[in-house]
């Protein structure tokens, strides 16, 4: 919620504490959710390398969770991060990995997130982003105001990111 309101610093501080707190409880599903939130906060704050690292950790946990929605959510978010890093091929794989189970499971909100991931891939590849409009319509159809606003902001935010050469090696 804080990232949606543009409160990136507070979102990061809150998200940083969550994984360690839930690890003590031993609930892997909640730990994965905390890592997804931390990955999103890092992405929103512009720390794409950290976002990728955290989301890959979350992806490994979500494979164990037994919940079809968690891996789709993680892959959709990771697709956006990888696209922003210019790794279009990997981003496309993650976006597709998110979209198919979201559709198969009837997870409409996750389908919207997966479509935003596809939009990030298209934008990073220098193509138009019809998936963004589709994602916005999915969110609106289910009454998810925050998701629709996220889709609206995606166009502005992604366009403002520095251009990275597609499929460039990771930084650092």
N, C-alpha and C. Protein backbone atom coordinates (compact mmCIF):
# COMPACT_ATOMS: atom_id res chain seq x y z
N UNK A 1 0.82 -1.18 0.00
CA UNK A 1 0.00 0.00 0.00
C UNK A 1 0.87 1.26 0.00
N UNK A 2 1.94 1.22 0.80
CA UNK A 2 2.80 2.40 0.87
C UNK A 2 3.48 2.70 -0.47
N UNK A 3 3.87 1.66 -1.20
CA UNK A 3 4.50 1.91 -2.49
C UNK A 3 3.50 2.50 -3.46
N UNK A 4 2.25 2.08 -3.38
CA UNK A 4 1.22 2.63 -4.26
C UNK A 4 1.03 4.11 -4.00
N UNK A 5 1.19 4.51 -2.74
CA UNK A 5 1.06 5.93 -2.40
C UNK A 5 2.36 6.70 -2.60
N UNK A 6 3.41 6.03 -3.07
CA UNK A 6 4.67 6.71 -3.31
C UNK A 6 5.54 6.85 -2.08
N UNK A 7 5.21 6.16 -0.99
CA UNK A 7 5.97 6.23 0.25
C UNK A 7 7.04 5.13 0.24
N UNK A 8 8.00 5.25 -0.68
CA UNK A 8 8.98 4.20 -0.91
C UNK A 8 9.89 3.97 0.29
N UNK A 9 10.33 5.02 0.94
CA UNK A 9 11.20 4.87 2.11
C UNK A 9 10.53 4.09 3.22
N UNK A 10 9.32 4.47 3.56
CA UNK A 10 8.59 3.77 4.62
C UNK A 10 8.24 2.35 4.20
N UNK A 11 7.90 2.16 2.94
CA UNK A 11 7.61 0.81 2.44
C UNK A 11 8.83 -0.08 2.58
N UNK A 12 9.99 0.45 2.23
CA UNK A 12 11.23 -0.33 2.34
C UNK A 12 11.55 -0.67 3.79
N UNK A 13 11.40 0.31 4.67
CA UNK A 13 11.71 0.05 6.08
C UNK A 13 10.79 -1.03 6.66
N UNK A 14 9.52 -0.95 6.33
CA UNK A 14 8.57 -1.96 6.81
C UNK A 14 8.88 -3.32 6.20
N UNK A 15 9.10 -3.34 4.90
CA UNK A 15 9.36 -4.60 4.20
C UNK A 15 10.67 -5.25 4.64
N UNK A 16 11.67 -4.44 4.99
CA UNK A 16 12.97 -4.97 5.44
C UNK A 16 12.82 -5.79 6.72
N UNK A 17 11.93 -5.37 7.60
CA UNK A 17 11.77 -6.05 8.89
C UNK A 17 10.96 -7.34 8.77
N UNK A 18 10.07 -7.40 7.81
CA UNK A 18 9.11 -8.50 7.74
C UNK A 18 9.72 -9.89 7.57
N UNK A 19 10.65 -10.12 6.62
CA UNK A 19 11.15 -11.50 6.44
C UNK A 19 11.77 -12.10 7.70
N UNK A 20 12.57 -11.32 8.42
CA UNK A 20 13.19 -11.86 9.63
C UNK A 20 12.14 -12.17 10.69
N UNK A 21 11.14 -11.32 10.80
CA UNK A 21 10.09 -11.55 11.79
C UNK A 21 9.31 -12.83 11.48
N UNK A 22 8.95 -13.04 10.23
CA UNK A 22 8.15 -14.23 9.90
C UNK A 22 9.00 -15.49 9.86
N UNK A 23 10.29 -15.38 9.60
CA UNK A 23 11.16 -16.57 9.62
C UNK A 23 11.16 -17.21 11.01
N UNK A 24 11.08 -16.39 12.03
CA UNK A 24 11.04 -16.92 13.41
C UNK A 24 9.81 -17.78 13.64
N UNK A 25 8.73 -17.48 12.93
CA UNK A 25 7.49 -18.26 13.07
C UNK A 25 7.52 -19.54 12.26
N UNK A 26 8.39 -19.62 11.26
CA UNK A 26 8.54 -20.83 10.48
C UNK A 26 7.49 -21.06 9.41
N UNK A 27 6.66 -20.08 9.12
CA UNK A 27 5.64 -20.25 8.08
C UNK A 27 6.23 -19.82 6.74
N UNK A 28 6.52 -20.79 5.89
CA UNK A 28 7.19 -20.52 4.62
C UNK A 28 6.32 -19.71 3.66
N UNK A 29 5.02 -19.90 3.70
CA UNK A 29 4.13 -19.13 2.82
C UNK A 29 4.14 -17.66 3.20
N UNK A 30 4.10 -17.39 4.49
CA UNK A 30 4.12 -16.00 4.96
C UNK A 30 5.50 -15.39 4.70
N UNK A 31 6.54 -16.20 4.85
CA UNK A 31 7.89 -15.72 4.54
C UNK A 31 8.00 -15.33 3.07
N UNK A 32 7.45 -16.17 2.20
CA UNK A 32 7.46 -15.86 0.77
C UNK A 32 6.70 -14.57 0.50
N UNK A 33 5.56 -14.39 1.14
CA UNK A 33 4.78 -13.16 0.96
C UNK A 33 5.57 -11.94 1.42
N UNK A 34 6.30 -12.09 2.52
CA UNK A 34 7.13 -10.98 3.02
C UNK A 34 8.25 -10.66 2.03
N UNK A 35 8.84 -11.69 1.46
CA UNK A 35 9.91 -11.47 0.47
C UNK A 35 9.37 -10.81 -0.80
N UNK A 36 8.17 -11.21 -1.21
CA UNK A 36 7.55 -10.58 -2.38
C UNK A 36 7.34 -9.09 -2.10
N UNK A 37 6.83 -8.78 -0.90
CA UNK A 37 6.62 -7.37 -0.53
C UNK A 37 7.95 -6.62 -0.52
N UNK A 38 9.00 -7.25 0.01
CA UNK A 38 10.31 -6.61 0.03
C UNK A 38 10.83 -6.40 -1.38
N UNK A 39 10.64 -7.37 -2.25
CA UNK A 39 11.05 -7.23 -3.65
C UNK A 39 10.33 -6.08 -4.34
N UNK A 40 9.04 -5.98 -4.08
CA UNK A 40 8.27 -4.87 -4.66
C UNK A 40 8.74 -3.52 -4.13
N UNK A 41 9.01 -3.48 -2.84
CA UNK A 41 9.48 -2.22 -2.25
C UNK A 41 10.83 -1.83 -2.84
N UNK A 42 11.72 -2.81 -3.01
CA UNK A 42 13.04 -2.53 -3.61
C UNK A 42 12.88 -2.06 -5.05
N UNK A 43 11.98 -2.71 -5.79
CA UNK A 43 11.74 -2.29 -7.17
C UNK A 43 11.20 -0.86 -7.21
N UNK A 44 10.22 -0.58 -6.38
CA UNK A 44 9.62 0.75 -6.36
C UNK A 44 10.62 1.82 -5.97
N UNK A 45 11.55 1.45 -5.10
CA UNK A 45 12.58 2.39 -4.66
C UNK A 45 13.75 2.49 -5.62
N UNK A 46 13.71 1.70 -6.71
CA UNK A 46 14.74 1.78 -7.73
C UNK A 46 15.93 0.85 -7.53
N UNK A 47 15.90 0.01 -6.49
CA UNK A 47 17.00 -0.93 -6.26
C UNK A 47 16.67 -2.25 -6.95
N UNK A 48 16.88 -2.28 -8.26
CA UNK A 48 16.47 -3.43 -9.05
C UNK A 48 17.31 -4.67 -8.79
N UNK A 49 18.58 -4.49 -8.48
CA UNK A 49 19.44 -5.64 -8.19
C UNK A 49 18.97 -6.33 -6.91
N UNK A 50 18.68 -5.55 -5.89
CA UNK A 50 18.16 -6.11 -4.65
C UNK A 50 16.81 -6.77 -4.90
N UNK A 51 15.95 -6.10 -5.67
CA UNK A 51 14.63 -6.65 -5.96
C UNK A 51 14.76 -8.01 -6.62
N UNK A 52 15.66 -8.13 -7.59
CA UNK A 52 15.84 -9.42 -8.26
C UNK A 52 16.29 -10.49 -7.27
N UNK A 53 17.26 -10.17 -6.45
CA UNK A 53 17.79 -11.14 -5.49
C UNK A 53 16.70 -11.63 -4.54
N UNK A 54 15.95 -10.71 -3.99
CA UNK A 54 14.90 -11.05 -3.03
C UNK A 54 13.78 -11.85 -3.72
N UNK A 55 13.42 -11.45 -4.92
CA UNK A 55 12.35 -12.15 -5.63
C UNK A 55 12.77 -13.56 -6.04
N UNK A 56 14.03 -13.74 -6.35
CA UNK A 56 14.49 -15.11 -6.66
C UNK A 56 14.43 -15.99 -5.41
N UNK A 57 14.75 -15.42 -4.27
CA UNK A 57 14.60 -16.16 -3.01
C UNK A 57 13.13 -16.50 -2.77
N UNK A 58 12.26 -15.54 -3.03
CA UNK A 58 10.82 -15.77 -2.87
C UNK A 58 10.33 -16.84 -3.84
N UNK A 59 10.85 -16.82 -5.06
CA UNK A 59 10.44 -17.80 -6.06
C UNK A 59 10.78 -19.22 -5.61
N UNK A 60 11.94 -19.38 -5.01
CA UNK A 60 12.32 -20.70 -4.50
C UNK A 60 11.37 -21.14 -3.39
N UNK A 61 10.99 -20.23 -2.51
CA UNK A 61 10.05 -20.57 -1.43
C UNK A 61 8.66 -20.86 -1.97
N UNK A 62 8.23 -20.10 -2.96
CA UNK A 62 6.86 -20.29 -3.47
C UNK A 62 6.71 -21.62 -4.17
N UNK A 63 7.80 -22.16 -4.68
CA UNK A 63 7.73 -23.48 -5.30
C UNK A 63 7.35 -24.54 -4.27
N UNK A 64 7.68 -24.28 -3.01
CA UNK A 64 7.35 -25.20 -1.92
C UNK A 64 5.97 -24.95 -1.33
N UNK A 65 5.40 -23.79 -1.58
CA UNK A 65 4.22 -23.35 -0.83
C UNK A 65 2.96 -24.17 -1.11
N UNK A 66 2.87 -24.73 -2.30
CA UNK A 66 1.65 -25.44 -2.65
C UNK A 66 0.53 -24.52 -3.12
N UNK A 67 0.76 -23.24 -3.07
CA UNK A 67 -0.22 -22.26 -3.53
C UNK A 67 0.13 -21.86 -4.96
N UNK A 68 -0.82 -22.00 -5.86
CA UNK A 68 -0.53 -21.64 -7.26
C UNK A 68 -0.37 -20.14 -7.44
N UNK A 69 -1.03 -19.36 -6.62
CA UNK A 69 -0.98 -17.91 -6.79
C UNK A 69 0.35 -17.29 -6.42
N UNK A 70 1.01 -17.81 -5.39
CA UNK A 70 2.27 -17.21 -4.96
C UNK A 70 3.36 -17.27 -6.03
N UNK A 71 3.59 -18.40 -6.67
CA UNK A 71 4.61 -18.40 -7.73
C UNK A 71 4.26 -17.45 -8.88
N UNK A 72 2.98 -17.37 -9.22
CA UNK A 72 2.56 -16.46 -10.29
C UNK A 72 2.82 -15.02 -9.90
N UNK A 73 2.50 -14.66 -8.67
CA UNK A 73 2.73 -13.30 -8.18
C UNK A 73 4.22 -12.96 -8.20
N UNK A 74 5.03 -13.90 -7.75
CA UNK A 74 6.47 -13.68 -7.72
C UNK A 74 7.04 -13.54 -9.13
N UNK A 75 6.63 -14.43 -10.02
CA UNK A 75 7.13 -14.38 -11.40
C UNK A 75 6.71 -13.10 -12.10
N UNK A 76 5.49 -12.64 -11.86
CA UNK A 76 5.02 -11.40 -12.49
C UNK A 76 5.86 -10.21 -12.05
N UNK A 77 6.16 -10.15 -10.76
CA UNK A 77 6.96 -9.05 -10.24
C UNK A 77 8.40 -9.15 -10.74
N UNK A 78 8.93 -10.36 -10.74
CA UNK A 78 10.30 -10.57 -11.23
C UNK A 78 10.40 -10.22 -12.72
N UNK A 79 9.36 -10.48 -13.49
CA UNK A 79 9.37 -10.12 -14.91
C UNK A 79 9.56 -8.62 -15.09
N UNK A 80 8.87 -7.85 -14.30
CA UNK A 80 9.00 -6.39 -14.39
C UNK A 80 10.41 -5.94 -14.03
N UNK A 81 10.98 -6.53 -12.99
CA UNK A 81 12.34 -6.18 -12.57
C UNK A 81 13.35 -6.54 -13.65
N UNK A 82 13.25 -7.76 -14.17
CA UNK A 82 14.20 -8.20 -15.20
C UNK A 82 14.08 -7.34 -16.46
N UNK A 83 12.85 -6.96 -16.81
CA UNK A 83 12.66 -6.10 -17.97
C UNK A 83 13.34 -4.75 -17.75
N UNK A 84 13.21 -4.21 -16.55
CA UNK A 84 13.84 -2.92 -16.23
C UNK A 84 15.36 -3.04 -16.26
N UNK A 85 15.87 -4.23 -15.96
CA UNK A 85 17.32 -4.46 -16.02
C UNK A 85 17.79 -4.74 -17.45
N UNK A 86 16.85 -4.79 -18.41
CA UNK A 86 17.20 -5.01 -19.80
C UNK A 86 17.33 -6.47 -20.18
N UNK A 87 16.95 -7.36 -19.31
CA UNK A 87 17.06 -8.79 -19.57
C UNK A 87 15.71 -9.31 -20.08
N UNK A 88 15.41 -8.91 -21.29
CA UNK A 88 14.09 -9.10 -21.89
C UNK A 88 13.71 -10.57 -22.02
N UNK A 89 14.64 -11.39 -22.44
CA UNK A 89 14.35 -12.81 -22.63
C UNK A 89 13.93 -13.47 -21.32
N UNK A 90 14.72 -13.26 -20.28
CA UNK A 90 14.39 -13.82 -18.97
C UNK A 90 13.07 -13.24 -18.45
N UNK A 91 12.88 -11.95 -18.67
CA UNK A 91 11.65 -11.30 -18.22
C UNK A 91 10.44 -11.92 -18.90
N UNK A 92 10.55 -12.19 -20.19
CA UNK A 92 9.45 -12.82 -20.91
C UNK A 92 9.12 -14.20 -20.37
N UNK A 93 10.15 -14.97 -20.02
CA UNK A 93 9.93 -16.29 -19.44
C UNK A 93 9.17 -16.19 -18.12
N UNK A 94 9.56 -15.23 -17.29
CA UNK A 94 8.89 -15.06 -16.00
C UNK A 94 7.46 -14.58 -16.18
N UNK A 95 7.24 -13.67 -17.13
CA UNK A 95 5.88 -13.17 -17.36
C UNK A 95 4.96 -14.29 -17.81
N UNK A 96 5.46 -15.13 -18.71
CA UNK A 96 4.65 -16.27 -19.18
C UNK A 96 4.43 -17.28 -18.06
N UNK A 97 5.45 -17.46 -17.21
CA UNK A 97 5.31 -18.37 -16.07
C UNK A 97 4.25 -17.88 -15.10
N UNK A 98 4.01 -16.59 -15.08
CA UNK A 98 2.99 -16.01 -14.21
C UNK A 98 1.60 -16.07 -14.83
N UNK A 99 1.53 -15.77 -16.12
CA UNK A 99 0.23 -15.61 -16.76
C UNK A 99 -0.55 -16.92 -16.86
N UNK A 100 0.09 -17.98 -17.27
CA UNK A 100 -0.61 -19.25 -17.48
C UNK A 100 -1.29 -19.77 -16.21
N UNK A 101 -0.58 -19.88 -15.07
CA UNK A 101 -1.26 -20.36 -13.87
C UNK A 101 -2.29 -19.37 -13.32
N UNK A 102 -2.05 -18.08 -13.52
CA UNK A 102 -3.03 -17.09 -13.07
C UNK A 102 -4.35 -17.29 -13.82
N UNK A 103 -4.25 -17.46 -15.12
CA UNK A 103 -5.46 -17.70 -15.92
C UNK A 103 -6.10 -19.03 -15.59
N UNK A 104 -5.28 -20.08 -15.49
CA UNK A 104 -5.80 -21.43 -15.22
C UNK A 104 -6.48 -21.49 -13.86
N UNK A 105 -5.94 -20.76 -12.88
CA UNK A 105 -6.52 -20.78 -11.54
C UNK A 105 -7.64 -19.78 -11.33
N UNK A 106 -7.89 -18.94 -12.33
CA UNK A 106 -8.93 -17.94 -12.18
C UNK A 106 -8.55 -16.80 -11.25
N UNK A 107 -7.25 -16.57 -11.10
CA UNK A 107 -6.77 -15.50 -10.23
C UNK A 107 -6.72 -14.20 -11.03
N UNK A 108 -7.82 -13.48 -11.05
CA UNK A 108 -7.92 -12.31 -11.91
C UNK A 108 -6.94 -11.21 -11.54
N UNK A 109 -6.73 -10.99 -10.25
CA UNK A 109 -5.78 -9.94 -9.85
C UNK A 109 -4.36 -10.33 -10.25
N UNK A 110 -4.03 -11.60 -10.08
CA UNK A 110 -2.69 -12.05 -10.49
C UNK A 110 -2.55 -12.00 -12.00
N UNK A 111 -3.64 -12.24 -12.71
CA UNK A 111 -3.58 -12.12 -14.16
C UNK A 111 -3.24 -10.67 -14.55
N UNK A 112 -3.83 -9.73 -13.83
CA UNK A 112 -3.49 -8.32 -14.07
C UNK A 112 -2.03 -8.04 -13.80
N UNK A 113 -1.48 -8.61 -12.72
CA UNK A 113 -0.07 -8.44 -12.42
C UNK A 113 0.80 -9.07 -13.51
N UNK A 114 0.39 -10.25 -13.97
CA UNK A 114 1.16 -10.92 -15.03
C UNK A 114 1.13 -10.10 -16.31
N UNK A 115 -0.01 -9.49 -16.60
CA UNK A 115 -0.11 -8.65 -17.79
C UNK A 115 0.78 -7.41 -17.66
N UNK A 116 0.90 -6.88 -16.44
CA UNK A 116 1.84 -5.77 -16.24
C UNK A 116 3.27 -6.24 -16.45
N UNK A 117 3.57 -7.47 -16.04
CA UNK A 117 4.89 -8.03 -16.31
C UNK A 117 5.16 -8.14 -17.80
N UNK A 118 4.15 -8.60 -18.55
CA UNK A 118 4.28 -8.66 -20.01
C UNK A 118 4.45 -7.27 -20.61
N UNK A 119 3.74 -6.30 -20.06
CA UNK A 119 3.88 -4.93 -20.54
C UNK A 119 5.30 -4.43 -20.33
N UNK A 120 5.89 -4.78 -19.18
CA UNK A 120 7.27 -4.38 -18.91
C UNK A 120 8.22 -5.00 -19.93
N UNK A 121 7.97 -6.26 -20.28
CA UNK A 121 8.79 -6.93 -21.28
C UNK A 121 8.67 -6.22 -22.63
N UNK A 122 7.45 -5.93 -23.02
CA UNK A 122 7.22 -5.26 -24.30
C UNK A 122 7.89 -3.89 -24.32
N UNK A 123 7.75 -3.15 -23.24
CA UNK A 123 8.36 -1.81 -23.18
C UNK A 123 9.88 -1.90 -23.23
N UNK A 124 10.45 -2.87 -22.50
CA UNK A 124 11.91 -3.03 -22.49
C UNK A 124 12.43 -3.42 -23.86
N UNK A 125 11.61 -4.14 -24.62
CA UNK A 125 12.00 -4.55 -25.97
C UNK A 125 11.73 -3.47 -27.00
N UNK A 126 11.20 -2.34 -26.53
CA UNK A 126 10.95 -1.23 -27.44
C UNK A 126 9.66 -1.37 -28.23
N UNK A 127 8.78 -2.24 -27.78
CA UNK A 127 7.49 -2.43 -28.46
C UNK A 127 6.39 -1.72 -27.69
N UNK A 128 5.24 -1.56 -28.33
CA UNK A 128 4.11 -0.95 -27.64
C UNK A 128 3.67 -1.86 -26.50
N UNK A 129 2.91 -1.32 -25.57
CA UNK A 129 2.54 -2.07 -24.38
C UNK A 129 1.03 -2.28 -24.28
N UNK A 130 0.42 -3.04 -25.18
CA UNK A 130 -1.01 -3.28 -25.07
C UNK A 130 -1.40 -4.03 -23.80
N UNK A 131 -0.48 -4.79 -23.24
CA UNK A 131 -0.79 -5.54 -22.01
C UNK A 131 -1.08 -4.61 -20.85
N UNK A 132 -0.50 -3.40 -20.85
CA UNK A 132 -0.77 -2.46 -19.77
C UNK A 132 -2.24 -2.08 -19.74
N UNK A 133 -2.79 -1.74 -20.90
CA UNK A 133 -4.21 -1.41 -20.96
C UNK A 133 -5.07 -2.59 -20.58
N UNK A 134 -4.67 -3.78 -20.99
CA UNK A 134 -5.42 -4.97 -20.65
C UNK A 134 -5.38 -5.20 -19.15
N UNK A 135 -4.22 -5.03 -18.53
CA UNK A 135 -4.10 -5.18 -17.08
C UNK A 135 -4.98 -4.17 -16.37
N UNK A 136 -4.94 -2.93 -16.84
CA UNK A 136 -5.77 -1.88 -16.23
C UNK A 136 -7.24 -2.27 -16.29
N UNK A 137 -7.68 -2.80 -17.42
CA UNK A 137 -9.09 -3.20 -17.57
C UNK A 137 -9.42 -4.38 -16.65
N UNK A 138 -8.49 -5.33 -16.48
CA UNK A 138 -8.72 -6.44 -15.55
C UNK A 138 -8.93 -5.90 -14.15
N UNK A 139 -8.04 -5.01 -13.72
CA UNK A 139 -8.16 -4.45 -12.38
C UNK A 139 -9.47 -3.69 -12.22
N UNK A 140 -9.82 -2.90 -13.20
CA UNK A 140 -11.07 -2.14 -13.13
C UNK A 140 -12.28 -3.07 -13.09
N UNK A 141 -12.23 -4.15 -13.87
CA UNK A 141 -13.36 -5.08 -13.93
C UNK A 141 -13.64 -5.73 -12.57
N UNK A 142 -12.59 -5.95 -11.79
CA UNK A 142 -12.80 -6.57 -10.48
C UNK A 142 -12.86 -5.52 -9.37
N UNK A 143 -12.84 -4.25 -9.75
CA UNK A 143 -12.96 -3.17 -8.77
C UNK A 143 -11.71 -2.93 -7.94
N UNK A 144 -10.56 -3.31 -8.47
CA UNK A 144 -9.30 -3.15 -7.75
C UNK A 144 -8.69 -1.80 -8.13
N UNK A 145 -9.06 -0.78 -7.37
CA UNK A 145 -8.65 0.60 -7.66
C UNK A 145 -7.13 0.75 -7.59
N UNK A 146 -6.51 0.12 -6.60
CA UNK A 146 -5.06 0.22 -6.45
C UNK A 146 -4.34 -0.38 -7.65
N UNK A 147 -4.81 -1.54 -8.10
CA UNK A 147 -4.20 -2.18 -9.26
C UNK A 147 -4.35 -1.34 -10.52
N UNK A 148 -5.52 -0.75 -10.70
CA UNK A 148 -5.74 0.11 -11.87
C UNK A 148 -4.82 1.32 -11.82
N UNK A 149 -4.65 1.89 -10.63
CA UNK A 149 -3.74 3.03 -10.48
C UNK A 149 -2.30 2.60 -10.76
N UNK A 150 -1.95 1.39 -10.32
CA UNK A 150 -0.61 0.86 -10.58
C UNK A 150 -0.38 0.72 -12.08
N UNK A 151 -1.36 0.21 -12.78
CA UNK A 151 -1.24 0.07 -14.23
C UNK A 151 -1.10 1.44 -14.89
N UNK A 152 -1.87 2.41 -14.41
CA UNK A 152 -1.75 3.76 -14.95
C UNK A 152 -0.35 4.32 -14.72
N UNK A 153 0.16 4.15 -13.50
CA UNK A 153 1.49 4.67 -13.16
C UNK A 153 2.60 3.92 -13.88
N UNK A 154 2.34 2.66 -14.21
CA UNK A 154 3.36 1.86 -14.88
C UNK A 154 3.84 2.53 -16.15
N UNK A 155 2.91 3.03 -16.95
CA UNK A 155 3.29 3.66 -18.21
C UNK A 155 4.24 4.83 -17.98
N UNK A 156 3.92 5.66 -17.00
CA UNK A 156 4.78 6.81 -16.71
C UNK A 156 6.10 6.37 -16.10
N UNK A 157 6.03 5.47 -15.13
CA UNK A 157 7.22 5.04 -14.41
C UNK A 157 8.20 4.27 -15.28
N UNK A 158 7.69 3.38 -16.09
CA UNK A 158 8.59 2.58 -16.91
C UNK A 158 9.23 3.45 -17.99
N UNK A 159 8.46 4.38 -18.52
CA UNK A 159 9.00 5.27 -19.55
C UNK A 159 10.11 6.16 -18.98
N UNK A 160 10.04 6.47 -17.69
CA UNK A 160 11.03 7.36 -17.07
C UNK A 160 12.31 6.64 -16.65
N UNK A 161 12.28 5.30 -16.61
CA UNK A 161 13.48 4.56 -16.20
C UNK A 161 14.57 4.70 -17.25
N UNK A 162 15.82 4.68 -16.79
CA UNK A 162 16.91 4.72 -17.77
C UNK A 162 16.84 3.50 -18.67
N UNK A 163 17.12 3.71 -19.92
CA UNK A 163 17.08 2.62 -20.90
C UNK A 163 18.30 1.72 -20.71
N UNK A 164 18.07 0.43 -20.63
CA UNK A 164 19.14 -0.55 -20.51
C UNK A 164 19.13 -1.37 -21.78
N UNK A 165 20.29 -1.69 -22.28
CA UNK A 165 20.38 -2.51 -23.48
C UNK A 165 19.74 -3.87 -23.24
N UNK A 166 18.77 -4.29 -24.10
CA UNK A 166 18.12 -5.58 -23.89
C UNK A 166 19.13 -6.72 -23.81
N UNK A 167 18.86 -7.60 -22.84
CA UNK A 167 19.67 -8.80 -22.58
C UNK A 167 21.12 -8.49 -22.24
N UNK A 168 21.35 -7.31 -21.68
CA UNK A 168 22.68 -6.96 -21.20
C UNK A 168 23.01 -7.82 -19.99
N UNK A 169 24.29 -8.09 -19.74
CA UNK A 169 24.64 -8.87 -18.54
C UNK A 169 24.26 -8.09 -17.29
N UNK A 170 24.01 -8.78 -16.18
CA UNK A 170 23.65 -8.09 -14.94
C UNK A 170 24.74 -7.12 -14.50
N UNK A 171 24.31 -6.03 -13.90
CA UNK A 171 25.26 -5.04 -13.38
C UNK A 171 25.95 -5.60 -12.15
N UNK A 172 27.16 -5.14 -11.92
CA UNK A 172 27.86 -5.46 -10.68
C UNK A 172 28.59 -6.71 -10.73
